[in-house]
Amino acid sequence: MSFDRSKKPTWRQGYRYQYEPAQKGHVLLYPEGMIKLNESAALIGGLIDGERDVAAIIGELDKQFLGVPELGDDVEQFMEVARAQHWITLA
């Protein structure tokens, strides 16, 4: 089954993406704790706003990282993991 890039990701209620100076990086805060995101996940997470669909997020990142052939696959993989971990919803 193919990933639907027209879906719009949003952070689940109670989850907040932010820069955390103490962690020197971006994190995802939620009621039970915190997840420190790696650089790639932080770049993707920064574009999750409930307005952009996955295709638009890929397009924005493609402007920053021209010619990276696996970029779309990497974003899709992040979305699948984030959905499986219940960080985001895709609508």
Protein backbone atom coordinates (compact mmCIF):
# COMPACT_ATOMS: atom_id res chain seq x y z
CA MET A 1 0.00 0.00 0.00
CA SER A 2 1.30 3.44 -0.93
CA PHE A 3 1.63 6.30 1.53
CA ASP A 4 -0.92 9.08 0.95
CA ARG A 5 1.05 12.34 0.76
CA SER A 6 -2.15 14.40 0.64
CA LYS A 7 -2.73 13.76 4.37
CA LYS A 8 -2.17 16.65 6.79
CA PRO A 9 -0.25 15.75 9.93
CA THR A 10 -1.05 17.45 13.23
CA TRP A 11 0.46 16.93 16.66
CA ARG A 12 -1.89 15.04 18.93
CA GLN A 13 -3.64 16.95 21.68
CA GLY A 14 -1.29 17.25 24.64
CA TYR A 15 1.85 17.05 22.47
CA ARG A 16 3.98 20.12 21.89
CA TYR A 17 6.99 20.53 19.59
CA GLN A 18 9.52 23.10 20.78
CA TYR A 19 13.20 23.99 21.10
CA GLU A 20 14.52 23.08 24.53
CA PRO A 21 17.72 24.96 25.46
CA ALA A 22 18.59 22.49 28.23
CA GLN A 23 18.53 19.68 25.64
CA LYS A 24 20.25 21.84 23.01
CA GLY A 25 17.71 20.68 20.49
CA HIS A 26 14.08 20.25 19.54
CA VAL A 27 11.87 18.04 21.64
CA LEU A 28 8.35 16.72 21.67
CA LEU A 29 6.73 17.30 25.06
CA TYR A 30 3.77 15.25 26.19
CA PRO A 31 2.08 14.63 29.55
CA GLU A 32 4.17 11.57 30.41
CA GLY A 33 7.53 12.97 29.36
CA MET A 34 9.67 14.26 26.55
CA ILE A 35 11.31 12.93 23.40
CA LYS A 36 14.47 14.56 22.07
CA LEU A 37 14.29 14.63 18.28
CA ASN A 38 17.29 14.12 16.04
CA GLU A 39 18.11 16.83 13.51
CA SER A 40 16.14 15.26 10.66
CA ALA A 41 13.06 14.66 12.79
CA ALA A 42 13.30 18.22 14.14
CA LEU A 43 13.32 19.66 10.61
CA ILE A 44 10.24 17.64 9.70
CA GLY A 45 8.54 18.40 13.02
CA GLY A 46 9.03 22.11 12.53
CA LEU A 47 6.89 21.93 9.42
CA ILE A 48 3.98 20.09 11.02
CA ASP A 49 1.38 22.82 11.46
CA GLY A 50 -1.93 21.17 10.56
CA GLU A 51 -2.06 23.22 7.35
CA ARG A 52 0.62 21.57 5.19
CA ASP A 53 0.08 18.13 3.82
CA VAL A 54 2.94 15.64 3.65
CA ALA A 55 3.64 16.56 0.01
CA ALA A 56 4.06 20.23 1.00
CA ILE A 57 6.40 19.29 3.84
CA ILE A 58 8.49 17.27 1.40
CA GLY A 59 8.47 20.24 -1.00
CA GLU A 60 9.69 22.64 1.69
CA LEU A 61 12.51 20.30 2.69
CA ASP A 62 13.42 19.71 -0.94
CA LYS A 63 14.10 23.44 -1.28
CA GLN A 64 16.67 23.16 1.53
CA PHE A 65 18.18 19.84 0.45
CA LEU A 66 18.21 19.85 -3.34
CA GLY A 67 18.78 16.57 -5.09
CA VAL A 68 18.35 14.21 -2.13
CA PRO A 69 16.50 11.36 -3.84
CA GLU A 70 15.37 9.56 -0.67
CA LEU A 71 13.99 12.71 0.99
CA GLY A 72 10.35 11.83 0.34
CA ASP A 73 10.82 8.31 1.62
CA ASP A 74 12.50 9.63 4.77
CA VAL A 75 9.61 12.00 5.48
CA GLU A 76 7.09 9.22 4.89
CA GLN A 77 9.03 6.97 7.27
CA PHE A 78 9.00 9.67 9.96
CA MET A 79 5.25 10.11 9.50
CA GLU A 80 4.65 6.38 9.85
CA VAL A 81 6.76 6.15 13.01
CA ALA A 82 5.17 9.29 14.49
CA ARG A 83 1.70 7.92 13.78
CA ALA A 84 2.58 4.49 15.22
CA GLN A 85 3.94 6.18 18.36
CA HIS A 86 0.74 8.29 18.57
CA TRP A 87 2.62 11.60 18.28
CA ILE A 88 0.60 12.77 15.27
CA THR A 89 -2.64 12.21 13.48
CA LEU A 90 -2.90 12.19 9.69
CA ALA A 91 -6.14 13.56 8.27
